[in-house]
PDB file of N, CA and C in Angstrom:
ATOM      1  N   MET A   1     130.064  73.262 135.500  1.00  0.00           N
ATOM      2  CA  MET A   1     128.826  73.772 135.006  1.00  0.00           C
ATOM      3  C   MET A   1     128.910  75.288 134.919  1.00  0.00           C
ATOM      4  N   THR A   2     128.439  75.810 133.838  1.00  0.00           N
ATOM      5  CA  THR A   2     128.501  77.249 133.604  1.00  0.00           C
ATOM      6  C   THR A   2     127.139  77.876 133.877  1.00  0.00           C
ATOM      7  N   THR A   3     127.163  78.999 134.558  1.00  0.00           N
ATOM      8  CA  THR A   3     125.895  79.694 134.814  1.00  0.00           C
ATOM      9  C   THR A   3     125.647  80.703 133.697  1.00  0.00           C
ATOM     10  N   ALA A   4     124.393  80.947 133.460  1.00  0.00           N
ATOM     11  CA  ALA A   4     124.024  81.896 132.402  1.00  0.00           C
ATOM     12  C   ALA A   4     124.329  83.320 132.837  1.00  0.00           C
ATOM     13  N   ARG A   5     124.831  84.089 131.901  1.00  0.00           N
ATOM     14  CA  ARG A   5     125.078  85.497 132.178  1.00  0.00           C
ATOM     15  C   ARG A   5     123.761  86.233 132.286  1.00  0.00           C
ATOM     16  N   GLU A   6     123.702  87.195 133.154  1.00  0.00           N
ATOM     17  CA  GLU A   6     122.501  88.017 133.243  1.00  0.00           C
ATOM     18  C   GLU A   6     122.586  89.104 132.190  1.00  0.00           C
ATOM     19  N   VAL A   7     121.593  89.146 131.354  1.00  0.00           N
ATOM     20  CA  VAL A   7     121.535  90.175 130.322  1.00  0.00           C
ATOM     21  C   VAL A   7     120.561  91.246 130.801  1.00  0.00           C
ATOM     22  N   PRO A   8     120.982  92.518 130.850  1.00  0.00           N
ATOM     23  CA  PRO A   8     120.079  93.565 131.327  1.00  0.00           C
ATOM     24  C   PRO A   8     118.888  93.742 130.390  1.00  0.00           C
ATOM     25  N   ASP A   9     117.754  93.998 130.967  1.00  0.00           N
ATOM     26  CA  ASP A   9     116.539  94.215 130.203  1.00  0.00           C
ATOM     27  C   ASP A   9     116.572  95.619 129.613  1.00  0.00           C
ATOM     28  N   PRO A  10     116.513  95.763 128.292  1.00  0.00           N
ATOM     29  CA  PRO A  10     116.586  97.095 127.702  1.00  0.00           C
ATOM     30  C   PRO A  10     115.349  97.943 127.981  1.00  0.00           C
ATOM     31  N   TRP A  11     114.229  97.328 128.371  1.00  0.00           N
ATOM     32  CA  TRP A  11     112.999  98.080 128.602  1.00  0.00           C
ATOM     33  C   TRP A  11     112.865  98.555 130.040  1.00  0.00           C
ATOM     34  N   SER A  12     113.732  98.095 130.913  1.00  0.00           N
ATOM     35  CA  SER A  12     113.646  98.555 132.294  1.00  0.00           C
ATOM     36  C   SER A  12     114.606  99.710 132.495  1.00  0.00           C
ATOM     37  N   GLY A  13     114.364 100.472 133.495  1.00  0.00           N
ATOM     38  CA  GLY A  13     115.271 101.584 133.787  1.00  0.00           C
ATOM     39  C   GLY A  13     114.741 102.895 133.269  1.00  0.00           C
ATOM     40  N   VAL A  14     115.649 103.759 132.921  1.00  0.00           N
ATOM     41  CA  VAL A  14     115.302 105.118 132.512  1.00  0.00           C
ATOM     42  C   VAL A  14     114.661 105.097 131.141  1.00  0.00           C
ATOM     43  N   ARG A  15     113.629 105.910 131.002  1.00  0.00           N
ATOM     44  CA  ARG A  15     112.936 106.001 129.724  1.00  0.00           C
ATOM     45  C   ARG A  15     113.808 106.776 128.738  1.00  0.00           C
ATOM     46  N   SER A  16     114.040 106.188 127.599  1.00  0.00           N
ATOM     47  CA  SER A  16     114.835 106.848 126.572  1.00  0.00           C
ATOM     48  C   SER A  16     114.256 106.494 125.213  1.00  0.00           C
ATOM     49  N   THR A  17     114.806 107.094 124.199  1.00  0.00           N
ATOM     50  CA  THR A  17     114.306 106.864 122.857  1.00  0.00           C
ATOM     51  C   THR A  17     114.635 105.452 122.423  1.00  0.00           C
ATOM     52  N   GLY A  18     113.617 104.671 122.176  1.00  0.00           N
ATOM     53  CA  GLY A  18     113.825 103.317 121.723  1.00  0.00           C
ATOM     54  C   GLY A  18     113.858 103.226 120.213  1.00  0.00           C
ATOM     55  N   HIS A  19     113.218 104.164 119.563  1.00  0.00           N
ATOM     56  CA  HIS A  19     113.173 104.193 118.111  1.00  0.00           C
ATOM     57  C   HIS A  19     113.642 105.560 117.652  1.00  0.00           C
ATOM     58  N   TRP A  20     114.334 105.611 116.592  1.00  0.00           N
ATOM     59  CA  TRP A  20     114.849 106.872 116.085  1.00  0.00           C
ATOM     60  C   TRP A  20     113.840 107.530 115.173  1.00  0.00           C
ATOM     61  N   VAL A  21     113.961 108.813 115.047  1.00  0.00           N
ATOM     62  CA  VAL A  21     113.127 109.577 114.123  1.00  0.00           C
ATOM     63  C   VAL A  21     113.968 109.810 112.873  1.00  0.00           C
ATOM     64  N   PRO A  22     113.498 109.385 111.702  1.00  0.00           N
ATOM     65  CA  PRO A  22     114.280 109.570 110.483  1.00  0.00           C
ATOM     66  C   PRO A  22     114.568 111.046 110.209  1.00  0.00           C
ATOM     67  N   SER A  23     115.641 111.300 109.470  1.00  0.00           N
ATOM     68  CA  SER A  23     116.082 112.679 109.232  1.00  0.00           C
ATOM     69  C   SER A  23     115.091 113.482 108.399  1.00  0.00           C
ATOM     70  N   ARG A  24     114.256 112.842 107.603  1.00  0.00           N
ATOM     71  CA  ARG A  24     113.298 113.587 106.786  1.00  0.00           C
ATOM     72  C   ARG A  24     112.014 113.908 107.544  1.00  0.00           C
ATOM     73  N   GLY A  25     111.907 113.455 108.784  1.00  0.00           N
ATOM     74  CA  GLY A  25     110.704 113.697 109.575  1.00  0.00           C
ATOM     75  C   GLY A  25     110.852 114.885 110.495  1.00  0.00           C
ATOM     76  N   LEU A  26     109.744 115.277 111.104  1.00  0.00           N
ATOM     77  CA  LEU A  26     109.710 116.358 112.082  1.00  0.00           C
ATOM     78  C   LEU A  26     109.231 115.792 113.408  1.00  0.00           C
ATOM     79  N   SER A  27     109.908 116.159 114.484  1.00  0.00           N
ATOM     80  CA  SER A  27     109.555 115.649 115.799  1.00  0.00           C
ATOM     81  C   SER A  27     109.295 116.819 116.734  1.00  0.00           C
ATOM     82  N   ASN A  28     108.533 116.554 117.794  1.00  0.00           N
ATOM     83  CA  ASN A  28     108.328 117.607 118.791  1.00  0.00           C
ATOM     84  C   ASN A  28     109.359 117.543 119.906  1.00  0.00           C
ATOM     85  N   GLY A  29     110.329 116.640 119.812  1.00  0.00           N
ATOM     86  CA  GLY A  29     111.438 116.602 120.753  1.00  0.00           C
ATOM     87  C   GLY A  29     111.224 115.754 121.987  1.00  0.00           C
ATOM     88  N   LEU A  30     110.047 115.176 122.165  1.00  0.00           N
ATOM     89  CA  LEU A  30     109.797 114.308 123.308  1.00  0.00           C
ATOM     90  C   LEU A  30     110.125 112.866 122.934  1.00  0.00           C
ATOM     91  N   ASP A  31     110.572 112.105 123.903  1.00  0.00           N
ATOM     92  CA  ASP A  31     111.001 110.730 123.658  1.00  0.00           C
ATOM     93  C   ASP A  31     109.859 109.743 123.867  1.00  0.00           C
ATOM     94  N   ALA A  32     109.941 108.631 123.133  1.00  0.00           N
ATOM     95  CA  ALA A  32     108.969 107.547 123.289  1.00  0.00           C
ATOM     96  C   ALA A  32     109.673 106.229 123.022  1.00  0.00           C
ATOM     97  N   ARG A  33     109.172 105.169 123.620  1.00  0.00           N
ATOM     98  CA  ARG A  33     109.749 103.839 123.391  1.00  0.00           C
ATOM     99  C   ARG A  33     109.189 103.201 122.129  1.00  0.00           C
ATOM    100  N   ALA A  34     107.903 103.417 121.884  1.00  0.00           N
ATOM    101  CA  ALA A  34     107.265 102.809 120.726  1.00  0.00           C
ATOM    102  C   ALA A  34     106.265 103.796 120.142  1.00  0.00           C
ATOM    103  N   TRP A  35     106.110 103.723 118.845  1.00  0.00           N
ATOM    104  CA  TRP A  35     105.257 104.674 118.141  1.00  0.00           C
ATOM    105  C   TRP A  35     104.087 103.955 117.484  1.00  0.00           C
ATOM    106  N   GLY A  36     102.940 104.653 117.415  1.00  0.00           N
ATOM    107  CA  GLY A  36     101.770 104.133 116.720  1.00  0.00           C
ATOM    108  C   GLY A  36     101.268 105.174 115.744  1.00  0.00           C
ATOM    109  N   ILE A  37     100.835 104.738 114.566  1.00  0.00           N
ATOM    110  CA  ILE A  37     100.330 105.668 113.547  1.00  0.00           C
ATOM    111  C   ILE A  37      98.959 106.148 113.967  1.00  0.00           C
ATOM    112  N   LEU A  38      98.774 107.461 113.973  1.00  0.00           N
ATOM    113  CA  LEU A  38      97.497 108.040 114.391  1.00  0.00           C
ATOM    114  C   LEU A  38      96.709 108.599 113.221  1.00  0.00           C
ATOM    115  N   ALA A  39      97.355 109.372 112.325  1.00  0.00           N
ATOM    116  CA  ALA A  39      96.598 110.011 111.252  1.00  0.00           C
ATOM    117  C   ALA A  39      97.529 110.457 110.137  1.00  0.00           C
ATOM    118  N   ASP A  40      96.933 110.757 108.987  1.00  0.00           N
ATOM    119  CA  ASP A  40      97.633 111.413 107.890  1.00  0.00           C
ATOM    120  C   ASP A  40      97.172 112.857 107.857  1.00  0.00           C
ATOM    121  N   LEU A  41      98.123 113.788 107.830  1.00  0.00           N
ATOM    122  CA  LEU A  41      97.805 115.210 107.927  1.00  0.00           C
ATOM    123  C   LEU A  41      98.192 115.948 106.664  1.00  0.00           C
ATOM    124  N   ASP A  42      97.528 117.086 106.450  1.00  0.00           N
ATOM    125  CA  ASP A  42      97.952 118.016 105.411  1.00  0.00           C
ATOM    126  C   ASP A  42      99.173 118.766 105.908  1.00  0.00           C
ATOM    127  N   GLU A  43      99.886 119.370 104.979  1.00  0.00           N
ATOM    128  CA  GLU A  43     101.076 120.114 105.357  1.00  0.00           C
ATOM    129  C   GLU A  43     100.734 121.309 106.245  1.00  0.00           C
ATOM    130  N   SER A  44      99.551 121.878 106.061  1.00  0.00           N
ATOM    131  CA  SER A  44      99.139 123.042 106.852  1.00  0.00           C
ATOM    132  C   SER A  44      98.829 122.691 108.308  1.00  0.00           C
ATOM    133  N   GLN A  45      98.610 121.420 108.613  1.00  0.00           N
ATOM    134  CA  GLN A  45      98.233 121.004 109.961  1.00  0.00           C
ATOM    135  C   GLN A  45      99.403 120.492 110.793  1.00  0.00           C
ATOM    136  N   VAL A  46     100.548 120.276 110.165  1.00  0.00           N
ATOM    137  CA  VAL A  46     101.661 119.584 110.820  1.00  0.00           C
ATOM    138  C   VAL A  46     102.153 120.321 112.058  1.00  0.00           C
ATOM    139  N   TYR A  47     102.528 121.582 111.919  1.00  0.00           N
ATOM    140  CA  TYR A  47     103.108 122.309 113.042  1.00  0.00           C
ATOM    141  C   TYR A  47     102.100 122.541 114.155  1.00  0.00           C
ATOM    142  N   ARG A  48     100.869 122.837 113.786  1.00  0.00           N
ATOM    143  CA  ARG A  48      99.832 123.068 114.797  1.00  0.00           C
ATOM    144  C   ARG A  48      99.625 121.811 115.646  1.00  0.00           C
ATOM    145  N   VAL A  49      99.601 120.649 115.014  1.00  0.00           N
ATOM    146  CA  VAL A  49      99.400 119.390 115.734  1.00  0.00           C
ATOM    147  C   VAL A  49     100.613 119.069 116.614  1.00  0.00           C
ATOM    148  N   LEU A  50     101.820 119.249 116.075  1.00  0.00           N
ATOM    149  CA  LEU A  50     103.016 118.952 116.866  1.00  0.00           C
ATOM    150  C   LEU A  50     103.132 119.865 118.082  1.00  0.00           C
ATOM    151  N   PHE A  51     102.813 121.148 117.919  1.00  0.00           N
ATOM    152  CA  PHE A  51     102.870 122.074 119.058  1.00  0.00           C
ATOM    153  C   PHE A  51     101.816 121.711 120.107  1.00  0.00           C
ATOM    154  N   ALA A  52     100.630 121.316 119.666  1.00  0.00           N
ATOM    155  CA  ALA A  52      99.581 120.927 120.613  1.00  0.00           C
ATOM    156  C   ALA A  52      99.986 119.659 121.371  1.00  0.00           C
ATOM    157  N   LEU A  53     100.607 118.711 120.679  1.00  0.00           N
ATOM    158  CA  LEU A  53     101.078 117.496 121.351  1.00  0.00           C
ATOM    159  C   LEU A  53     102.181 117.819 122.355  1.00  0.00           C
ATOM    160  N   THR A  54     103.058 118.754 122.006  1.00  0.00           N
ATOM    161  CA  THR A  54     104.115 119.158 122.923  1.00  0.00           C
ATOM    162  C   THR A  54     103.527 119.784 124.179  1.00  0.00           C
ATOM    163  N   ASP A  55     102.530 120.655 124.011  1.00  0.00           N
ATOM    164  CA  ASP A  55     101.890 121.284 125.162  1.00  0.00           C
ATOM    165  C   ASP A  55     101.228 120.259 126.073  1.00  0.00           C
ATOM    166  N   ALA A  56     100.718 119.173 125.484  1.00  0.00           N
ATOM    167  CA  ALA A  56     100.070 118.124 126.274  1.00  0.00           C
ATOM    168  C   ALA A  56     101.072 117.112 126.826  1.00  0.00           C
ATOM    169  N   GLY A  57     102.331 117.210 126.426  1.00  0.00           N
ATOM    170  CA  GLY A  57     103.347 116.286 126.914  1.00  0.00           C
ATOM    171  C   GLY A  57     103.322 114.931 126.240  1.00  0.00           C
ATOM    172  N   ILE A  58     102.857 114.886 124.993  1.00  0.00           N
ATOM    173  CA  ILE A  58     102.751 113.640 124.243  1.00  0.00           C
ATOM    174  C   ILE A  58     103.803 113.644 123.139  1.00  0.00           C
ATOM    175  N   ALA A  59     104.628 112.603 123.093  1.00  0.00           N
ATOM    176  CA  ALA A  59     105.661 112.515 122.053  1.00  0.00           C
ATOM    177  C   ALA A  59     105.014 112.221 120.712  1.00  0.00           C
ATOM    178  N   GLY A  60     105.521 112.873 119.666  1.00  0.00           N
ATOM    179  CA  GLY A  60     104.988 112.638 118.336  1.00  0.00           C
ATOM    180  C   GLY A  60     105.959 113.095 117.262  1.00  0.00           C
ATOM    181  N   TYR A  61     105.831 112.500 116.100  1.00  0.00           N
ATOM    182  CA  TYR A  61     106.596 112.964 114.949  1.00  0.00           C
ATOM    183  C   TYR A  61     105.818 112.661 113.684  1.00  0.00           C
ATOM    184  N   VAL A  62     106.165 113.355 112.604  1.00  0.00           N
ATOM    185  CA  VAL A  62     105.515 113.169 111.310  1.00  0.00           C
ATOM    186  C   VAL A  62     106.569 112.846 110.261  1.00  0.00           C
ATOM    187  N   LEU A  63     106.169 112.028 109.300  1.00  0.00           N
ATOM    188  CA  LEU A  63     107.022 111.669 108.164  1.00  0.00           C
ATOM    189  C   LEU A  63     106.243 111.892 106.881  1.00  0.00           C
ATOM    190  N   PRO A  64     106.892 112.413 105.845  1.00  0.00           N
ATOM    191  CA  PRO A  64     106.187 112.532 104.563  1.00  0.00           C
ATOM    192  C   PRO A  64     106.037 111.167 103.904  1.00  0.00           C
ATOM    193  N   VAL A  65     104.846 110.896 103.406  1.00  0.00           N
ATOM    194  CA  VAL A  65     104.590 109.649 102.671  1.00  0.00           C
ATOM    195  C   VAL A  65     103.871 110.005 101.377  1.00  0.00           C
ATOM    196  N   ARG A  66     104.123 109.211 100.351  1.00  0.00           N
ATOM    197  CA  ARG A  66     103.441 109.449  99.076  1.00  0.00           C
ATOM    198  C   ARG A  66     101.996 108.993  99.184  1.00  0.00           C
ATOM    199  N   ALA A  67     101.113 109.809  98.627  1.00  0.00           N
ATOM    200  CA  ALA A  67      99.687 109.493  98.664  1.00  0.00           C
ATOM    201  C   ALA A  67      99.191 109.266  97.238  1.00  0.00           C
ATOM    202  N   THR A  68      98.155 108.476  97.115  1.00  0.00           N
ATOM    203  CA  THR A  68      97.536 108.251  95.815  1.00  0.00           C
ATOM    204  C   THR A  68      96.631 109.429  95.499  1.00  0.00           C
ATOM    205  N   VAL A  69      96.862 110.055  94.367  1.00  0.00           N
ATOM    206  CA  VAL A  69      96.054 111.199  93.956  1.00  0.00           C
ATOM    207  C   VAL A  69      94.789 110.673  93.303  1.00  0.00           C
ATOM    208  N   LEU A  70      93.649 110.923  93.944  1.00  0.00           N
ATOM    209  CA  LEU A  70      92.371 110.444  93.415  1.00  0.00           C
ATOM    210  C   LEU A  70      91.683 111.493  92.556  1.00  0.00           C
ATOM    211  N   GLU A  71      91.821 112.753  92.937  1.00  0.00           N
ATOM    212  CA  GLU A  71      91.206 113.846  92.195  1.00  0.00           C
ATOM    213  C   GLU A  71      92.256 114.914  91.935  1.00  0.00           C
ATOM    214  N   PRO A  72      92.076 115.686  90.876  1.00  0.00           N
ATOM    215  CA  PRO A  72      93.019 116.779  90.641  1.00  0.00           C
ATOM    216  C   PRO A  72      93.004 117.753  91.823  1.00  0.00           C
ATOM    217  N   GLY A  73      94.169 118.163  92.237  1.00  0.00           N
ATOM    218  CA  GLY A  73      94.268 119.078  93.373  1.00  0.00           C
ATOM    219  C   GLY A  73      94.593 118.388  94.681  1.00  0.00           C
ATOM    220  N   ASP A  74      94.502 117.066  94.720  1.00  0.00           N
ATOM    221  CA  ASP A  74      94.889 116.331  95.930  1.00  0.00           C
ATOM    222  C   ASP A  74      96.408 116.386  96.089  1.00  0.00           C
ATOM    223  N   PRO A  75      96.890 116.495  97.314  1.00  0.00           N
ATOM    224  CA  PRO A  75      98.350 116.539  97.500  1.00  0.00           C
ATOM    225  C   PRO A  75      98.985 115.176  97.215  1.00  0.00           C
ATOM    226  N   GLU A  76     100.204 115.228  96.659  1.00  0.00           N
ATOM    227  CA  GLU A  76     100.923 113.990  96.385  1.00  0.00           C
ATOM    228  C   GLU A  76     101.628 113.466  97.637  1.00  0.00           C
ATOM    229  N   VAL A  77     101.852 114.359  98.592  1.00  0.00           N
ATOM    230  CA  VAL A  77     102.552 113.981  99.817  1.00  0.00           C
ATOM    231  C   VAL A  77     101.656 114.272 101.015  1.00  0.00           C
ATOM    232  N   ARG A  78     101.497 113.287 101.875  1.00  0.00           N
ATOM    233  CA  ARG A  78     100.772 113.444 103.138  1.00  0.00           C
ATOM    234  C   ARG A  78     101.791 113.288 104.255  1.00  0.00           C
ATOM    235  N   TRP A  79     101.461 113.816 105.400  1.00  0.00           N
ATOM    236  CA  TRP A  79     102.353 113.711 106.556  1.00  0.00           C
ATOM    237  C   TRP A  79     101.730 112.751 107.545  1.00  0.00           C
ATOM    238  N   ARG A  80     102.392 111.611 107.774  1.00  0.00           N
ATOM    239  CA  ARG A  80     101.867 110.576 108.652  1.00  0.00           C
ATOM    240  C   ARG A  80     102.310 110.857 110.090  1.00  0.00           C
ATOM    241  N   LEU A  81     101.333 111.007 110.977  1.00  0.00           N
ATOM    242  CA  LEU A  81     101.583 111.319 112.375  1.00  0.00           C
ATOM    243  C   LEU A  81     101.711 110.035 113.180  1.00  0.00           C
ATOM    244  N   ARG A  82     102.800 109.947 113.927  1.00  0.00           N
ATOM    245  CA  ARG A  82     103.010 108.832 114.854  1.00  0.00           C
ATOM    246  C   ARG A  82     103.141 109.397 116.254  1.00  0.00           C
ATOM    247  N   VAL A  83     102.528 108.724 117.227  1.00  0.00           N
ATOM    248  CA  VAL A  83     102.549 109.197 118.609  1.00  0.00           C
ATOM    249  C   VAL A  83     102.987 108.076 119.544  1.00  0.00           C
ATOM    250  N   ASP A  84     103.323 108.461 120.757  1.00  0.00           N
ATOM    251  CA  ASP A  84     103.735 107.524 121.798  1.00  0.00           C
ATOM    252  C   ASP A  84     102.562 106.593 122.113  1.00  0.00           C
ATOM    253  N   ILE A  85     102.797 105.288 122.078  1.00  0.00           N
ATOM    254  CA  ILE A  85     101.701 104.325 122.239  1.00  0.00           C
ATOM    255  C   ILE A  85     100.995 104.419 123.598  1.00  0.00           C
ATOM    256  N   PRO A  86     101.705 104.560 124.726  1.00  0.00           N
ATOM    257  CA  PRO A  86     100.961 104.665 125.994  1.00  0.00           C
ATOM    258  C   PRO A  86     100.054 105.896 126.077  1.00  0.00           C
ATOM    259  N   ARG A  87     100.331 106.935 125.302  1.00  0.00           N
ATOM    260  CA  ARG A  87      99.505 108.147 125.314  1.00  0.00           C
ATOM    261  C   ARG A  87      98.640 108.254 124.064  1.00  0.00           C
ATOM    262  N   TYR A  88      98.396 107.126 123.395  1.00  0.00           N
ATOM    263  CA  TYR A  88      97.688 107.113 122.118  1.00  0.00           C
ATOM    264  C   TYR A  88      96.278 107.684 122.233  1.00  0.00           C
ATOM    265  N   ARG A  89      95.529 107.245 123.240  1.00  0.00           N
ATOM    266  CA  ARG A  89      94.137 107.711 123.399  1.00  0.00           C
ATOM    267  C   ARG A  89      94.070 109.202 123.697  1.00  0.00           C
ATOM    268  N   ALA A  90      94.979 109.677 124.525  1.00  0.00           N
ATOM    269  CA  ALA A  90      95.008 111.115 124.823  1.00  0.00           C
ATOM    270  C   ALA A  90      95.353 111.915 123.573  1.00  0.00           C
ATOM    271  N   ALA A  91      96.274 111.399 122.762  1.00  0.00           N
ATOM    272  CA  ALA A  91      96.639 112.070 121.518  1.00  0.00           C
ATOM    273  C   ALA A  91      95.477 112.064 120.533  1.00  0.00           C
ATOM    274  N   GLU A  92      94.731 110.965 120.522  1.00  0.00           N
ATOM    275  CA  GLU A  92      93.570 110.866 119.640  1.00  0.00           C
ATOM    276  C   GLU A  92      92.509 111.893 120.024  1.00  0.00           C
ATOM    277  N   ASP A  93      92.232 112.023 121.313  1.00  0.00           N
ATOM    278  CA  ASP A  93      91.261 113.019 121.774  1.00  0.00           C
ATOM    279  C   ASP A  93      91.724 114.438 121.456  1.00  0.00           C
ATOM    280  N   LEU A  94      93.003 114.707 121.673  1.00  0.00           N
ATOM    281  CA  LEU A  94      93.548 116.025 121.394  1.00  0.00           C
ATOM    282  C   LEU A  94      93.466 116.349 119.908  1.00  0.00           C
ATOM    283  N   LEU A  95      93.785 115.386 119.060  1.00  0.00           N
ATOM    284  CA  LEU A  95      93.735 115.599 117.621  1.00  0.00           C
ATOM    285  C   LEU A  95      92.309 115.852 117.151  1.00  0.00           C
ATOM    286  N   MET A  96      91.351 115.120 117.703  1.00  0.00           N
ATOM    287  CA  MET A  96      89.950 115.342 117.328  1.00  0.00           C
ATOM    288  C   MET A  96      89.484 116.742 117.710  1.00  0.00           C
ATOM    289  N   GLU A  97      89.848 117.190 118.901  1.00  0.00           N
ATOM    290  CA  GLU A  97      89.485 118.545 119.315  1.00  0.00           C
ATOM    291  C   GLU A  97      90.178 119.585 118.457  1.00  0.00           C
ATOM    292  N   LEU A  98      91.432 119.348 118.152  1.00  0.00           N
ATOM    293  CA  LEU A  98      92.203 120.303 117.369  1.00  0.00           C
ATOM    294  C   LEU A  98      91.649 120.435 115.957  1.00  0.00           C
ATOM    295  N   LEU A  99      91.327 119.322 115.331  1.00  0.00           N
ATOM    296  CA  LEU A  99      90.804 119.373 113.971  1.00  0.00           C
ATOM    297  C   LEU A  99      89.352 119.828 113.935  1.00  0.00           C
ATOM    298  N   ARG A 100      88.598 119.569 114.989  1.00  0.00           N
ATOM    299  CA  ARG A 100      87.202 119.983 115.021  1.00  0.00           C
ATOM    300  C   ARG A 100      87.056 121.464 115.332  1.00  0.00           C
ATOM    301  N   TYR A 101      87.764 121.944 116.339  1.00  0.00           N
ATOM    302  CA  TYR A 101      87.584 123.318 116.796  1.00  0.00           C
ATOM    303  C   TYR A 101      88.688 124.256 116.326  1.00  0.00           C
ATOM    304  N   GLY A 102      89.726 123.733 115.710  1.00  0.00           N
ATOM    305  CA  GLY A 102      90.818 124.580 115.253  1.00  0.00           C
ATOM    306  C   GLY A 102      91.844 124.857 116.339  1.00  0.00           C
ATOM    307  N   ARG A 103      91.561 124.450 117.549  1.00  0.00           N
ATOM    308  CA  ARG A 103      92.492 124.629 118.673  1.00  0.00           C
ATOM    309  C   ARG A 103      92.083 123.645 119.756  1.00  0.00           C
ATOM    310  N   PRO A 104      93.025 123.247 120.592  1.00  0.00           N
ATOM    311  CA  PRO A 104      92.627 122.380 121.709  1.00  0.00           C
ATOM    312  C   PRO A 104      91.843 123.184 122.727  1.00  0.00           C
ATOM    313  N   ARG A 105      90.739 122.630 123.191  1.00  0.00           N
ATOM    314  CA  ARG A 105      89.946 123.342 124.189  1.00  0.00           C
ATOM    315  C   ARG A 105      90.678 123.346 125.509  1.00  0.00           C
ATOM    316  N   ARG A 106      90.592 124.453 126.183  1.00  0.00           N
ATOM    317  CA  ARG A 106      91.224 124.557 127.499  1.00  0.00           C
ATOM    318  C   ARG A 106      90.294 123.910 128.514  1.00  0.00           C
ATOM    319  N   ARG A 107      90.876 123.188 129.407  1.00  0.00           N
ATOM    320  CA  ARG A 107      90.066 122.604 130.472  1.00  0.00           C
ATOM    321  C   ARG A 107      89.723 123.687 131.471  1.00  0.00           C
ATOM    322  N   VAL A 108      88.481 123.746 131.815  1.00  0.00           N
ATOM    323  CA  VAL A 108      88.056 124.712 132.810  1.00  0.00           C
ATOM    324  C   VAL A 108      88.358 124.133 134.175  1.00  0.00           C
ATOM    325  N   GLU A 109      89.227 124.819 134.892  1.00  0.00           N
ATOM    326  CA  GLU A 109      89.573 124.336 136.220  1.00  0.00           C
ATOM    327  C   GLU A 109      88.464 124.707 137.188  1.00  0.00           C
ATOM    328  N   PRO A 110      88.075 123.777 138.017  1.00  0.00           N
ATOM    329  CA  PRO A 110      87.003 124.083 138.954  1.00  0.00           C
ATOM    330  C   PRO A 110      87.444 125.173 139.928  1.00  0.00           C
ATOM    331  N   VAL A 111      86.537 126.095 140.150  1.00  0.00           N
ATOM    332  CA  VAL A 111      86.822 127.189 141.071  1.00  0.00           C
ATOM    333  C   VAL A 111      86.702 126.657 142.483  1.00  0.00           C
ATOM    334  N   ARG A 112      87.683 126.988 143.267  1.00  0.00           N
ATOM    335  CA  ARG A 112      87.608 126.551 144.653  1.00  0.00           C
ATOM    336  C   ARG A 112      86.490 127.319 145.331  1.00  0.00           C
ATOM    337  N   SER A 113      85.526 126.613 145.749  1.00  0.00           N
ATOM    338  CA  SER A 113      84.395 127.288 146.381  1.00  0.00           C
ATOM    339  C   SER A 113      84.629 127.317 147.888  1.00  0.00           C
ATOM    340  N   ARG A 114      84.907 128.497 148.340  1.00  0.00           N
ATOM    341  CA  ARG A 114      85.050 128.656 149.786  1.00  0.00           C
ATOM    342  C   ARG A 114      83.685 128.982 150.344  1.00  0.00           C
ATOM    343  N   ARG A 115      83.398 128.348 151.375  1.00  0.00           N
ATOM    344  CA  ARG A 115      82.105 128.588 151.981  1.00  0.00           C
ATOM    345  C   ARG A 115      82.132 129.946 152.653  1.00  0.00           C
ATOM    346  N   ARG A 116      81.278 130.781 152.180  1.00  0.00           N
ATOM    347  CA  ARG A 116      81.251 132.134 152.734  1.00  0.00           C
ATOM    348  C   ARG A 116      80.392 132.161 153.990  1.00  0.00           C
ATOM    349  N   ARG A 117      80.961 132.737 154.982  1.00  0.00           N
ATOM    350  CA  ARG A 117      80.191 132.875 156.217  1.00  0.00           C
ATOM    351  C   ARG A 117      79.319 134.110 156.120  1.00  0.00           C
ATOM    352  N   ARG A 118      78.227 134.020 156.759  1.00  0.00           N
ATOM    353  CA  ARG A 118      77.339 135.166 156.810  1.00  0.00           C
ATOM    354  C   ARG A 118      77.978 136.262 157.610  1.00  0.00           C
ATOM    355  N   ARG A 119      77.907 137.446 157.109  1.00  0.00           N
ATOM    356  CA  ARG A 119      78.466 138.585 157.849  1.00  0.00           C
ATOM    357  C   ARG A 119      77.478 139.027 158.916  1.00  0.00           C
ATOM    358  N   VAL A 120      77.998 139.074 160.063  1.00  0.00           N
ATOM    359  CA  VAL A 120      77.182 139.498 161.212  1.00  0.00           C
ATOM    360  C   VAL A 120      77.864 140.702 161.840  1.00  0.00           C
ATOM    361  N   ALA A 121      77.075 141.697 162.125  1.00  0.00           N
ATOM    362  CA  ALA A 121      77.648 142.890 162.758  1.00  0.00           C
ATOM    363  C   ALA A 121      78.196 142.523 164.114  1.00  0.00           C
ATOM    364  N   LEU A 122      79.357 143.104 164.448  1.00  0.00           N
ATOM    365  CA  LEU A 122      79.976 142.794 165.711  1.00  0.00           C
ATOM    366  C   LEU A 122      79.214 143.452 166.883  1.00  0.00           C
ATOM    367  N   VAL A 123      78.690 144.628 166.642  1.00  0.00           N
ATOM    368  CA  VAL A 123      77.953 145.321 167.683  1.00  0.00           C
ATOM    369  C   VAL A 123      76.547 145.560 167.168  1.00  0.00           C
ATOM    370  N   ARG A 124      75.576 145.097 167.898  1.00  0.00           N
ATOM    371  CA  ARG A 124      74.202 145.311 167.482  1.00  0.00           C
ATOM    372  C   ARG A 124      73.725 146.661 167.995  1.00  0.00           C
ATOM    373  N   LYS A 125      73.097 147.352 167.097  1.00  0.00           N
ATOM    374  CA  LYS A 125      72.550 148.653 167.484  1.00  0.00           C
ATOM    375  C   LYS A 125      71.188 148.434 168.088  1.00  0.00           C
ATOM    376  N   SER A 126      70.959 149.076 169.209  1.00  0.00           N
ATOM    377  CA  SER A 126      69.645 148.963 169.812  1.00  0.00           C
ATOM    378  C   SER A 126      68.756 150.037 169.212  1.00  0.00           C
ATOM    379  N   THR A 127      67.545 149.726 168.963  1.00  0.00           N
ATOM    380  CA  THR A 127      66.620 150.702 168.381  1.00  0.00           C
ATOM    381  C   THR A 127      65.596 151.169 169.349  1.00  0.00           C
TER     382      THR A 127
END
């Protein structure tokens, strides 16, 4: 009787690039196992979005895709943004802030509130 060979699970172990980024695309250099389409961007928004995703630690890349021109002046090429699936919601929130405000809002870190003690004079003056 022959026993079955153990085949290593490709999804376990060290996180590495599971899908390649095509040569015509732009990536922010972070690795992801699986990608999900998030949005179609104008050419003017591509670098700003990729840099913001890099700062947030979210893997992403864009690929040029042909778009249907509905009105004169519409671009023929759109850039389709794909992001790491486990960080999809965070990327969606970041993209909404970036497109709404023109920049990602900085999180205000709570100030450590040290309880201030009342200052009491060490020596009381008698009057």
